[in-house]
């Protein structure tokens, strides 16, 4: 395994992407290992679909995290404002 690949897999986002890719492949009755036995075009198409699925799911997670931060920030700012008034 290359150092670059190892470094990417230590990244939490990369790990989550791998989980989503695995989830997609399993929903199609496949695994990373099993697609190696498929015709090259079919395996490539499945990986394109799995990567698209993973990217979409990662974007959803990021958007939810951002929304929670905004809500928390607004709640904290509102709470601080209330505390200052007291």
C-alpha atoms as a PDB file:
ATOM      1  CA  UNK A   1       0.000   0.000   0.000  1.00  0.00           C
ATOM      2  CA  UNK A   2       1.288   3.472  -0.826  1.00  0.00           C
ATOM      3  CA  UNK A   3       1.952   6.014   1.915  1.00  0.00           C
ATOM      4  CA  UNK A   4      -0.498   8.437   0.292  1.00  0.00           C
ATOM      5  CA  UNK A   5      -3.256   5.811   0.393  1.00  0.00           C
ATOM      6  CA  UNK A   6      -2.497   5.017   4.051  1.00  0.00           C
ATOM      7  CA  UNK A   7      -2.613   8.713   4.947  1.00  0.00           C
ATOM      8  CA  UNK A   8      -5.942   9.153   3.179  1.00  0.00           C
ATOM      9  CA  UNK A   9      -7.425   6.174   4.999  1.00  0.00           C
ATOM     10  CA  UNK A  10      -6.441   7.718   8.351  1.00  0.00           C
ATOM     11  CA  UNK A  11      -8.607  10.722   7.474  1.00  0.00           C
ATOM     12  CA  UNK A  12     -12.024  10.405   9.204  1.00  0.00           C
ATOM     13  CA  UNK A  13     -13.812  11.621   6.071  1.00  0.00           C
ATOM     14  CA  UNK A  14     -12.050   8.964   3.971  1.00  0.00           C
ATOM     15  CA  UNK A  15     -13.039   6.288   6.486  1.00  0.00           C
ATOM     16  CA  UNK A  16     -16.656   7.431   6.340  1.00  0.00           C
ATOM     17  CA  UNK A  17     -16.544   7.455   2.533  1.00  0.00           C
ATOM     18  CA  UNK A  18     -15.269   3.862   2.613  1.00  0.00           C
ATOM     19  CA  UNK A  19     -18.193   2.896   4.869  1.00  0.00           C
ATOM     20  CA  UNK A  20     -20.659   4.484   2.435  1.00  0.00           C
ATOM     21  CA  UNK A  21     -19.010   2.756  -0.549  1.00  0.00           C
ATOM     22  CA  UNK A  22     -19.259  -0.552   1.286  1.00  0.00           C
ATOM     23  CA  UNK A  23     -22.912   0.165   2.117  1.00  0.00           C
ATOM     24  CA  UNK A  24     -23.703   0.867  -1.530  1.00  0.00           C
ATOM     25  CA  UNK A  25     -21.908  -2.214  -2.813  1.00  0.00           C
ATOM     26  CA  UNK A  26     -23.639  -4.441  -0.243  1.00  0.00           C
ATOM     27  CA  UNK A  27     -27.008  -3.007  -1.312  1.00  0.00           C
ATOM     28  CA  UNK A  28     -26.121  -4.320  -4.792  1.00  0.00           C
ATOM     29  CA  UNK A  29     -25.071  -7.725  -3.456  1.00  0.00           C
ATOM     30  CA  UNK A  30     -21.367  -6.981  -3.895  1.00  0.00           C
ATOM     31  CA  UNK A  31     -18.249  -6.211  -1.864  1.00  0.00           C
ATOM     32  CA  UNK A  32     -14.959  -4.577  -2.806  1.00  0.00           C
ATOM     33  CA  UNK A  33     -13.515  -8.071  -3.102  1.00  0.00           C
ATOM     34  CA  UNK A  34     -16.361  -9.504  -5.181  1.00  0.00           C
ATOM     35  CA  UNK A  35     -16.346  -6.750  -7.786  1.00  0.00           C
ATOM     36  CA  UNK A  36     -12.810  -7.799  -8.700  1.00  0.00           C
ATOM     37  CA  UNK A  37     -14.407 -10.901 -10.230  1.00  0.00           C
ATOM     38  CA  UNK A  38     -16.827  -8.886 -12.369  1.00  0.00           C
ATOM     39  CA  UNK A  39     -16.146  -7.741 -15.919  1.00  0.00           C
ATOM     40  CA  UNK A  40     -14.022  -4.590 -15.817  1.00  0.00           C
ATOM     41  CA  UNK A  41     -16.758  -2.319 -17.227  1.00  0.00           C
ATOM     42  CA  UNK A  42     -19.328  -3.578 -14.734  1.00  0.00           C
ATOM     43  CA  UNK A  43     -16.938  -3.186 -11.784  1.00  0.00           C
ATOM     44  CA  UNK A  44     -16.025   0.331 -12.925  1.00  0.00           C
ATOM     45  CA  UNK A  45     -19.691   1.315 -13.236  1.00  0.00           C
ATOM     46  CA  UNK A  46     -20.451  -0.017  -9.748  1.00  0.00           C
ATOM     47  CA  UNK A  47     -17.531   1.947  -8.300  1.00  0.00           C
ATOM     48  CA  UNK A  48     -18.690   5.124 -10.052  1.00  0.00           C
ATOM     49  CA  UNK A  49     -22.158   4.621  -8.575  1.00  0.00           C
ATOM     50  CA  UNK A  50     -20.731   3.785  -5.140  1.00  0.00           C
ATOM     51  CA  UNK A  51     -18.478   6.845  -5.204  1.00  0.00           C
ATOM     52  CA  UNK A  52     -21.379   9.081  -6.187  1.00  0.00           C
ATOM     53  CA  UNK A  53     -23.465   7.586  -3.374  1.00  0.00           C
ATOM     54  CA  UNK A  54     -20.626   8.161  -0.892  1.00  0.00           C
ATOM     55  CA  UNK A  55     -20.103  11.757  -2.029  1.00  0.00           C
ATOM     56  CA  UNK A  56     -23.817  12.469  -1.641  1.00  0.00           C
ATOM     57  CA  UNK A  57     -23.906  10.934   1.835  1.00  0.00           C
ATOM     58  CA  UNK A  58     -20.770  12.854   2.888  1.00  0.00           C
ATOM     59  CA  UNK A  59     -22.384  16.090   1.702  1.00  0.00           C
ATOM     60  CA  UNK A  60     -25.489  15.266   3.764  1.00  0.00           C
ATOM     61  CA  UNK A  61     -23.365  14.652   6.862  1.00  0.00           C
ATOM     62  CA  UNK A  62     -21.456  17.887   6.295  1.00  0.00           C
ATOM     63  CA  UNK A  63     -24.669  19.883   5.816  1.00  0.00           C
ATOM     64  CA  UNK A  64     -26.198  18.418   8.974  1.00  0.00           C
ATOM     65  CA  UNK A  65     -23.040  19.193  10.955  1.00  0.00           C
ATOM     66  CA  UNK A  66     -23.008  22.754   9.638  1.00  0.00           C
ATOM     67  CA  UNK A  67     -26.694  23.209  10.502  1.00  0.00           C
ATOM     68  CA  UNK A  68     -26.107  21.904  14.025  1.00  0.00           C
ATOM     69  CA  UNK A  69     -23.172  24.273  14.453  1.00  0.00           C
ATOM     70  CA  UNK A  70     -25.327  27.179  13.299  1.00  0.00           C
ATOM     71  CA  UNK A  71     -28.147  26.196  15.643  1.00  0.00           C
ATOM     72  CA  UNK A  72     -25.699  25.744  18.501  1.00  0.00           C
ATOM     73  CA  UNK A  73     -24.043  29.055  17.673  1.00  0.00           C
ATOM     74  CA  UNK A  74     -27.388  30.861  17.575  1.00  0.00           C
ATOM     75  CA  UNK A  75     -28.514  29.164  20.787  1.00  0.00           C
ATOM     76  CA  UNK A  76     -25.221  30.027  22.493  1.00  0.00           C
ATOM     77  CA  UNK A  77     -25.345  33.607  21.255  1.00  0.00           C
ATOM     78  CA  UNK A  78     -28.973  33.898  22.361  1.00  0.00           C
ATOM     79  CA  UNK A  79     -28.145  32.354  25.710  1.00  0.00           C
ATOM     80  CA  UNK A  80     -25.174  34.683  26.197  1.00  0.00           C
ATOM     81  CA  UNK A  81     -27.324  37.645  25.301  1.00  0.00           C
ATOM     82  CA  UNK A  82     -29.909  36.591  27.870  1.00  0.00           C
ATOM     83  CA  UNK A  83     -27.198  36.141  30.499  1.00  0.00           C
ATOM     84  CA  UNK A  84     -25.809  39.600  29.828  1.00  0.00           C
ATOM     85  CA  UNK A  85     -29.255  41.148  30.312  1.00  0.00           C
ATOM     86  CA  UNK A  86     -29.630  39.595  33.748  1.00  0.00           C
END
